[in-house]
Protein backbone atom coordinates (compact mmCIF):
# COMPACT_ATOMS: atom_id res chain seq x y z
CA UNK A 1 -35.80 10.31 -33.69
CA UNK A 2 -35.80 13.75 -34.02
CA UNK A 3 -33.47 15.57 -36.66
CA UNK A 4 -31.80 18.57 -35.95
CA UNK A 5 -30.16 21.66 -37.21
CA UNK A 6 -27.54 23.98 -35.64
CA UNK A 7 -27.68 27.64 -36.51
CA UNK A 8 -24.20 29.39 -35.50
CA UNK A 9 -21.03 27.07 -35.05
CA UNK A 10 -18.72 29.37 -33.47
CA UNK A 11 -17.81 29.15 -29.76
CA UNK A 12 -20.73 27.26 -28.35
CA UNK A 13 -22.35 25.38 -31.43
CA UNK A 14 -19.64 22.50 -31.37
CA UNK A 15 -20.76 21.83 -27.77
CA UNK A 16 -24.44 21.33 -28.99
CA UNK A 17 -22.96 19.33 -31.35
CA UNK A 18 -21.38 16.87 -28.70
CA UNK A 19 -24.55 17.06 -27.00
CA UNK A 20 -26.64 15.86 -29.47
CA UNK A 21 -23.90 12.92 -30.59
CA UNK A 22 -25.19 11.42 -26.97
CA UNK A 23 -28.95 12.25 -26.87
CA UNK A 24 -30.97 9.12 -27.16
CA UNK A 25 -33.79 10.50 -29.52
CA UNK A 26 -31.66 13.26 -31.62
CA UNK A 27 -29.90 13.02 -34.81
CA UNK A 28 -27.79 15.96 -36.01
CA UNK A 29 -28.77 16.52 -39.88
CA UNK A 30 -27.68 20.15 -40.47
CA UNK A 31 -25.01 22.51 -39.51
CA UNK A 32 -25.81 26.23 -40.71
CA UNK A 33 -23.15 29.16 -40.48
CA UNK A 34 -22.69 32.07 -42.42
CA UNK A 35 -18.99 31.54 -42.55
CA UNK A 36 -19.41 28.48 -44.55
CA UNK A 37 -16.08 27.00 -43.24
CA UNK A 38 -17.31 26.40 -39.95
CA UNK A 39 -20.38 24.76 -40.84
CA UNK A 40 -18.37 22.39 -43.31
CA UNK A 41 -15.83 21.62 -40.50
CA UNK A 42 -18.78 20.54 -37.90
CA UNK A 43 -20.32 18.52 -40.96
CA UNK A 44 -17.21 16.85 -41.48
CA UNK A 45 -16.83 15.47 -38.06
CA UNK A 46 -20.49 14.48 -37.37
CA UNK A 47 -21.55 13.42 -40.75
CA UNK A 48 -24.13 15.71 -41.87
CA UNK A 49 -24.74 18.86 -44.05
CA UNK A 50 -23.51 22.11 -44.09
CA UNK A 51 -25.07 25.11 -45.15
CA UNK A 52 -24.80 28.77 -45.05
CA UNK A 53 -28.32 30.36 -45.47
CA UNK A 54 -30.74 30.11 -42.56
CA UNK A 55 -33.98 29.91 -44.66
CA UNK A 56 -32.31 26.67 -46.04
CA UNK A 57 -32.94 25.03 -42.43
CA UNK A 58 -36.40 26.75 -42.20
CA UNK A 59 -37.81 25.17 -45.07
CA UNK A 60 -36.37 21.91 -44.48
CA UNK A 61 -39.38 19.56 -43.50
CA UNK A 62 -37.10 17.09 -41.99
CA UNK A 63 -35.50 19.55 -39.28
CA UNK A 64 -37.83 19.23 -36.03
CA UNK A 65 -35.30 21.05 -33.97
CA UNK A 66 -33.62 24.45 -34.43
CA UNK A 67 -30.52 24.98 -32.12
CA UNK A 68 -29.68 28.72 -31.64
CA UNK A 69 -26.63 29.53 -31.05
CA UNK A 70 -25.55 32.77 -33.25
CA UNK A 71 -24.51 36.22 -31.83
CA UNK A 72 -26.53 37.39 -29.09
CA UNK A 73 -28.78 40.05 -31.44
CA UNK A 74 -29.60 37.35 -33.65
CA UNK A 75 -31.08 35.15 -30.80
CA UNK A 76 -34.99 36.34 -30.56
CA UNK A 77 -35.29 36.71 -34.34
CA UNK A 78 -33.78 33.46 -35.08
CA UNK A 79 -36.27 31.68 -32.60
CA UNK A 80 -39.07 33.25 -33.65
CA UNK A 81 -38.69 32.30 -37.07
CA UNK A 82 -37.86 28.99 -36.29
CA UNK A 83 -41.16 29.02 -34.30
CA UNK A 84 -43.39 30.42 -37.07
CA UNK A 85 -41.90 27.67 -39.53
CA UNK A 86 -42.98 25.00 -37.08
CA UNK A 87 -39.46 23.96 -35.52
CA UNK A 88 -39.44 23.89 -31.70
CA UNK A 89 -35.52 25.75 -30.58
CA UNK A 90 -33.26 24.95 -27.96
CA UNK A 91 -32.08 28.60 -27.58
CA UNK A 92 -28.58 29.82 -25.82
CA UNK A 93 -28.20 32.93 -23.52
CA UNK A 94 -29.04 35.36 -23.36
CA UNK A 95 -33.21 34.63 -24.40
CA UNK A 96 -33.28 38.13 -25.74
CA UNK A 97 -31.60 41.69 -25.96
CA UNK A 98 -34.45 42.75 -23.64
CA UNK A 99 -37.83 43.06 -22.11
CA UNK A 100 -39.42 43.86 -25.11
CA UNK A 101 -37.68 41.06 -27.01
CA UNK A 102 -38.43 38.52 -24.44
CA UNK A 103 -42.00 39.24 -24.60
CA UNK A 104 -42.00 39.00 -28.68
CA UNK A 105 -40.32 35.48 -27.91
CA UNK A 106 -42.92 34.30 -25.38
CA UNK A 107 -45.68 35.63 -27.58
CA UNK A 108 -44.19 33.24 -30.72
CA UNK A 109 -44.25 30.33 -28.60
CA UNK A 110 -47.56 30.74 -27.31
CA UNK A 111 -48.98 31.53 -31.00
CA UNK A 112 -47.26 28.87 -32.54
CA UNK A 113 -47.64 26.24 -29.95
CA UNK A 114 -44.19 24.32 -30.60
CA UNK A 115 -41.52 24.07 -27.47
CA UNK A 116 -38.49 26.24 -26.42
CA UNK A 117 -35.81 24.94 -24.61
CA UNK A 118 -33.50 27.24 -22.55
CA UNK A 119 -29.72 26.50 -22.24
CA UNK A 120 -28.92 27.30 -18.30
CA UNK A 121 -27.09 24.02 -18.39
CA UNK A 122 -25.73 24.97 -14.88
CA UNK A 123 -28.75 23.86 -13.05
CA UNK A 124 -27.91 19.88 -13.96
CA UNK A 125 -24.48 20.19 -12.90
CA UNK A 126 -24.90 17.46 -10.17
CA UNK A 127 -23.59 19.88 -7.41
CA UNK A 128 -26.18 22.21 -7.94
CA UNK A 129 -28.59 19.40 -8.44
CA UNK A 130 -27.67 18.39 -4.82
CA UNK A 131 -27.42 21.86 -3.30
CA UNK A 132 -31.47 22.27 -4.58
CA UNK A 133 -32.43 19.11 -3.04
CA UNK A 134 -30.39 20.39 -0.01
CA UNK A 135 -32.38 23.68 0.29
CA UNK A 136 -35.58 22.36 -0.77
CA UNK A 137 -35.76 19.55 2.04
CA UNK A 138 -34.68 22.29 4.69
CA UNK A 139 -32.09 19.30 5.83
CA UNK A 140 -29.84 22.26 6.88
CA UNK A 141 -32.60 24.49 8.08
CA UNK A 142 -33.97 27.84 6.65
CA UNK A 143 -31.93 29.66 3.77
CA UNK A 144 -30.57 32.66 5.25
CA UNK A 145 -28.29 34.54 2.58
CA UNK A 146 -26.65 33.30 -0.64
CA UNK A 147 -24.07 35.16 -2.49
CA UNK A 148 -22.85 34.42 -5.73
CA UNK A 149 -18.55 35.41 -7.08
CA UNK A 150 -17.43 35.05 -10.27
CA UNK A 151 -13.73 35.84 -11.31
CA UNK A 152 -13.04 35.38 -15.73
CA UNK A 153 -10.53 36.70 -17.88
CA UNK A 154 -11.64 37.58 -21.62
CA UNK A 155 -9.00 39.90 -22.85
CA UNK A 156 -8.82 42.14 -26.04
CA UNK A 157 -8.20 39.18 -27.93
CA UNK A 158 -11.27 37.47 -27.01
CA UNK A 159 -13.44 40.60 -28.15
CA UNK A 160 -11.39 40.79 -31.46
CA UNK A 161 -12.55 37.00 -32.43
CA UNK A 162 -15.69 38.80 -33.43
CA UNK A 163 -17.06 41.91 -34.81
CA UNK A 164 -20.31 41.26 -32.50
CA UNK A 165 -18.62 40.99 -29.15
CA UNK A 166 -18.20 44.00 -26.83
CA UNK A 167 -21.05 46.19 -28.39
CA UNK A 168 -24.28 47.07 -26.83
CA UNK A 169 -25.98 46.93 -30.08
CA UNK A 170 -24.90 43.22 -31.00
CA UNK A 171 -23.91 41.32 -27.62
CA UNK A 172 -26.18 43.43 -25.50
CA UNK A 173 -23.84 43.96 -22.57
CA UNK A 174 -20.47 42.28 -21.15
CA UNK A 175 -19.70 39.99 -18.37
CA UNK A 176 -23.53 40.26 -17.20
CA UNK A 177 -25.58 39.10 -20.24
CA UNK A 178 -22.91 36.84 -21.36
CA UNK A 179 -21.08 34.81 -18.92
CA UNK A 180 -22.46 35.89 -15.52
CA UNK A 181 -26.25 35.39 -16.27
CA UNK A 182 -25.53 31.55 -15.40
CA UNK A 183 -24.66 32.41 -11.82
CA UNK A 184 -27.77 34.88 -11.65
CA UNK A 185 -29.62 31.98 -12.82
CA UNK A 186 -28.60 29.92 -9.99
CA UNK A 187 -28.96 32.17 -7.33
CA UNK A 188 -32.93 32.67 -8.64
CA UNK A 189 -32.66 28.83 -8.97
CA UNK A 190 -31.32 28.18 -5.23
CA UNK A 191 -32.82 31.26 -3.47
CA UNK A 192 -36.05 31.55 -4.96
CA UNK A 193 -38.14 34.61 -5.89
CA UNK A 194 -36.29 38.00 -6.65
CA UNK A 195 -38.34 41.05 -6.42
CA UNK A 196 -35.86 43.89 -6.75
CA UNK A 197 -32.07 44.77 -7.16
CA UNK A 198 -29.68 47.67 -6.60
CA UNK A 199 -26.62 47.16 -9.21
CA UNK A 200 -23.62 48.92 -10.43
CA UNK A 201 -21.49 48.09 -13.90
CA UNK A 202 -18.21 49.52 -14.74
CA UNK A 203 -15.57 48.75 -17.50
CA UNK A 204 -12.06 48.49 -15.75
CA UNK A 205 -9.92 46.86 -17.67
CA UNK A 206 -11.00 47.23 -21.15
CA UNK A 207 -12.05 50.92 -21.20
CA UNK A 208 -11.67 52.28 -24.66
CA UNK A 209 -11.17 48.68 -26.44
CA UNK A 210 -15.20 47.38 -25.90
CA UNK A 211 -18.40 49.67 -25.45
CA UNK A 212 -19.79 47.17 -22.40
CA UNK A 213 -19.30 46.48 -18.86
CA UNK A 214 -16.86 43.78 -17.59
CA UNK A 215 -17.38 44.33 -13.81
CA UNK A 216 -20.69 44.47 -11.73
CA UNK A 217 -22.17 43.68 -8.37
CA UNK A 218 -25.80 43.72 -7.57
CA UNK A 219 -27.83 43.36 -4.00
CA UNK A 220 -30.36 41.15 -4.61
CA UNK A 221 -33.82 41.35 -2.89
CA UNK A 222 -35.42 37.99 -2.18
CA UNK A 223 -39.27 37.86 -1.96
CA UNK A 224 -38.99 36.09 1.62
CA UNK A 225 -37.05 38.88 3.16
CA UNK A 226 -33.78 37.57 2.22
CA UNK A 227 -30.75 39.62 0.85
CA UNK A 228 -28.24 38.10 -1.71
CA UNK A 229 -24.76 39.57 -2.83
CA UNK A 230 -23.37 39.31 -6.62
CA UNK A 231 -20.12 39.91 -8.30
CA UNK A 232 -18.72 39.32 -11.27
CA UNK A 233 -15.85 40.47 -13.55
CA UNK A 234 -13.93 39.39 -16.41
CA UNK A 235 -10.88 41.80 -15.17
CA UNK A 236 -9.36 38.78 -13.55
CA UNK A 237 -5.98 36.94 -14.72
CA UNK A 238 -7.68 33.76 -15.21
CA UNK A 239 -10.81 32.22 -15.07
CA UNK A 240 -12.24 30.13 -12.52
CA UNK A 241 -15.66 28.31 -11.85
CA UNK A 242 -18.49 29.85 -10.14
CA UNK A 243 -18.53 30.04 -6.52
CA UNK A 244 -22.12 29.88 -4.65
CA UNK A 245 -22.49 30.13 -0.94
CA UNK A 246 -25.54 29.23 0.79
CA UNK A 247 -26.13 30.63 4.55
CA UNK A 248 -28.14 27.94 6.25
CA UNK A 249 -29.31 28.39 9.25
CA UNK A 250 -27.69 25.16 10.58
CA UNK A 251 -24.40 25.51 8.45
CA UNK A 252 -23.02 26.91 5.48
CA UNK A 253 -23.10 25.33 2.12
CA UNK A 254 -20.51 26.53 -0.81
CA UNK A 255 -20.60 25.33 -4.47
CA UNK A 256 -16.70 26.03 -5.42
CA UNK A 257 -14.20 24.50 -8.21
CA UNK A 258 -17.51 21.82 -9.13
CA UNK A 259 -17.38 20.60 -5.56
CA UNK A 260 -20.20 21.11 -2.96
CA UNK A 261 -18.91 21.66 0.59
CA UNK A 262 -20.43 21.89 3.81
CA UNK A 263 -18.64 24.10 6.16
CA UNK A 264 -18.99 24.08 10.11
CA UNK A 265 -17.33 26.31 12.30
CA UNK A 266 -13.91 24.57 13.56
CA UNK A 267 -14.32 21.86 11.09
CA UNK A 268 -12.59 21.09 7.84
CA UNK A 269 -14.66 21.71 4.81
CA UNK A 270 -16.50 18.24 4.01
CA UNK A 271 -17.16 17.18 0.07
CA UNK A 272 -20.83 16.91 -0.08
CA UNK A 273 -21.03 16.43 -3.87
CA UNK A 274 -18.92 16.80 -7.27
CA UNK A 275 -19.83 17.48 -10.91
CA UNK A 276 -19.44 14.86 -13.81
CA UNK A 277 -16.75 16.51 -15.69
CA UNK A 278 -16.47 13.60 -18.25
CA UNK A 279 -19.49 15.11 -20.73
CA UNK A 280 -19.22 17.90 -22.92
CA UNK A 281 -18.34 21.35 -21.24
CA UNK A 282 -15.65 23.62 -19.29
CA UNK A 283 -14.69 23.23 -16.02
CA UNK A 284 -15.61 27.30 -15.83
CA UNK A 285 -19.38 26.32 -16.31
CA UNK A 286 -19.85 22.63 -16.06
CA UNK A 287 -21.17 19.82 -18.36
CA UNK A 288 -24.74 20.60 -18.32
CA UNK A 289 -25.42 20.71 -22.09
CA UNK A 290 -25.52 17.13 -23.17
CA UNK A 291 -28.00 16.60 -20.03
CA UNK A 292 -30.01 19.59 -21.51
CA UNK A 293 -30.47 18.47 -24.79
CA UNK A 294 -31.08 15.07 -23.97
CA UNK A 295 -34.08 15.60 -21.31
CA UNK A 296 -35.35 18.09 -24.57
CA UNK A 297 -35.94 15.36 -26.89
CA UNK A 298 -36.98 12.78 -24.75
CA UNK A 299 -39.66 15.19 -23.67
CA UNK A 300 -40.52 15.80 -27.63
CA UNK A 301 -40.10 12.27 -28.03
CA UNK A 302 -42.43 11.13 -25.06
CA UNK A 303 -44.67 14.36 -25.12
CA UNK A 304 -44.28 15.65 -21.89
CA UNK A 305 -42.90 18.67 -20.32
CA UNK A 306 -39.79 17.62 -18.52
CA UNK A 307 -37.23 19.75 -19.88
CA UNK A 308 -35.94 23.78 -19.31
CA UNK A 309 -38.92 25.49 -20.69
CA UNK A 310 -38.91 28.92 -22.08
CA UNK A 311 -40.76 29.77 -18.60
CA UNK A 312 -37.74 28.67 -16.71
CA UNK A 313 -35.42 31.45 -18.22
CA UNK A 314 -38.17 34.55 -17.67
CA UNK A 315 -37.08 35.43 -14.41
CA UNK A 316 -33.25 35.08 -14.74
CA UNK A 317 -33.77 37.42 -18.13
CA UNK A 318 -35.86 39.61 -16.12
CA UNK A 319 -33.31 40.34 -13.21
CA UNK A 320 -30.89 40.45 -15.84
CA UNK A 321 -32.38 43.39 -17.74
CA UNK A 322 -33.09 44.81 -14.13
CA UNK A 323 -29.69 44.88 -12.95
CA UNK A 324 -28.62 46.82 -16.13
CA UNK A 325 -31.97 49.07 -15.68
CA UNK A 326 -30.61 50.08 -12.14
CA UNK A 327 -26.93 50.66 -12.80
CA UNK A 328 -27.46 53.00 -15.53
CA UNK A 329 -30.05 55.13 -13.59
CA UNK A 330 -27.53 55.54 -10.67
CA UNK A 331 -28.11 52.05 -8.70
CA UNK A 332 -32.08 52.94 -8.07
CA UNK A 333 -33.68 49.80 -6.71
CA UNK A 334 -35.37 48.80 -9.61
CA UNK A 335 -38.47 46.19 -8.91
CA UNK A 336 -38.47 43.13 -11.05
CA UNK A 337 -42.21 43.44 -12.07
CA UNK A 338 -41.62 47.29 -13.33
């Protein structure tokens, strides 16, 4: 049995706690948050210890794994400190605030030899797994194009919850780095290697309220010559699940509203697969947290590499940072290897 500590018990920490509860080889032993009341609420629910000082977690020899669920600007430093203290890490998105921090995180993982699991949980949604299988097997022929579409609602009250939100220095961006990064991850996971991007960002709804973007679009250039179109906005009236459309030689497959549809001309869409919404999660991003966590603890227990490793999130992180670079430099085309 491996003992876990959750650091940061705001919006996403409780989802990690619920996932740990169902994980076969995990035991939640500590919840840490600088807002002591948050940690105490979680500790009371899960029967574990509550602390407010991260150093206590790092010095606790019984803690095997640290779940970093804190504000974005703390992710890299907290993950590196955990690795240097001999802990494995489960790291929420974003992995870092920029490319330089990402390199530092990769270096720390290599130096200290501990494992880092990245939380790109949408990959584990059943419908996404089926889409991945259909793509790899070429059941519908060659993949010709891919598009991603996201419309969510993030209002002024959302940003007022925490002081770090809506600022470049502490959130690192807006809709791209916080919400749509999961959609970008799926566009790489399904579509393959992306070599360049051209993008734009804007603040259409909350200009003057937040510094960061609430709307973004990008043209993705894939290594195999394919192009992908991406759009995301937090300016919608409601929050709806991602839509991901894959155009194949022999048909169209669309992931929408947590279902996978086969679409043929002149025929009603056919449901191919759906997500299991009975595990911890939300309809807008699925319920993959529990599976990612369970697989990581099984890998640690059984000494395998069958989990979402840090290397899994490197391409997605570089794509994210390249989109920002393109958008801030007049929508120039940016190569991900630059």
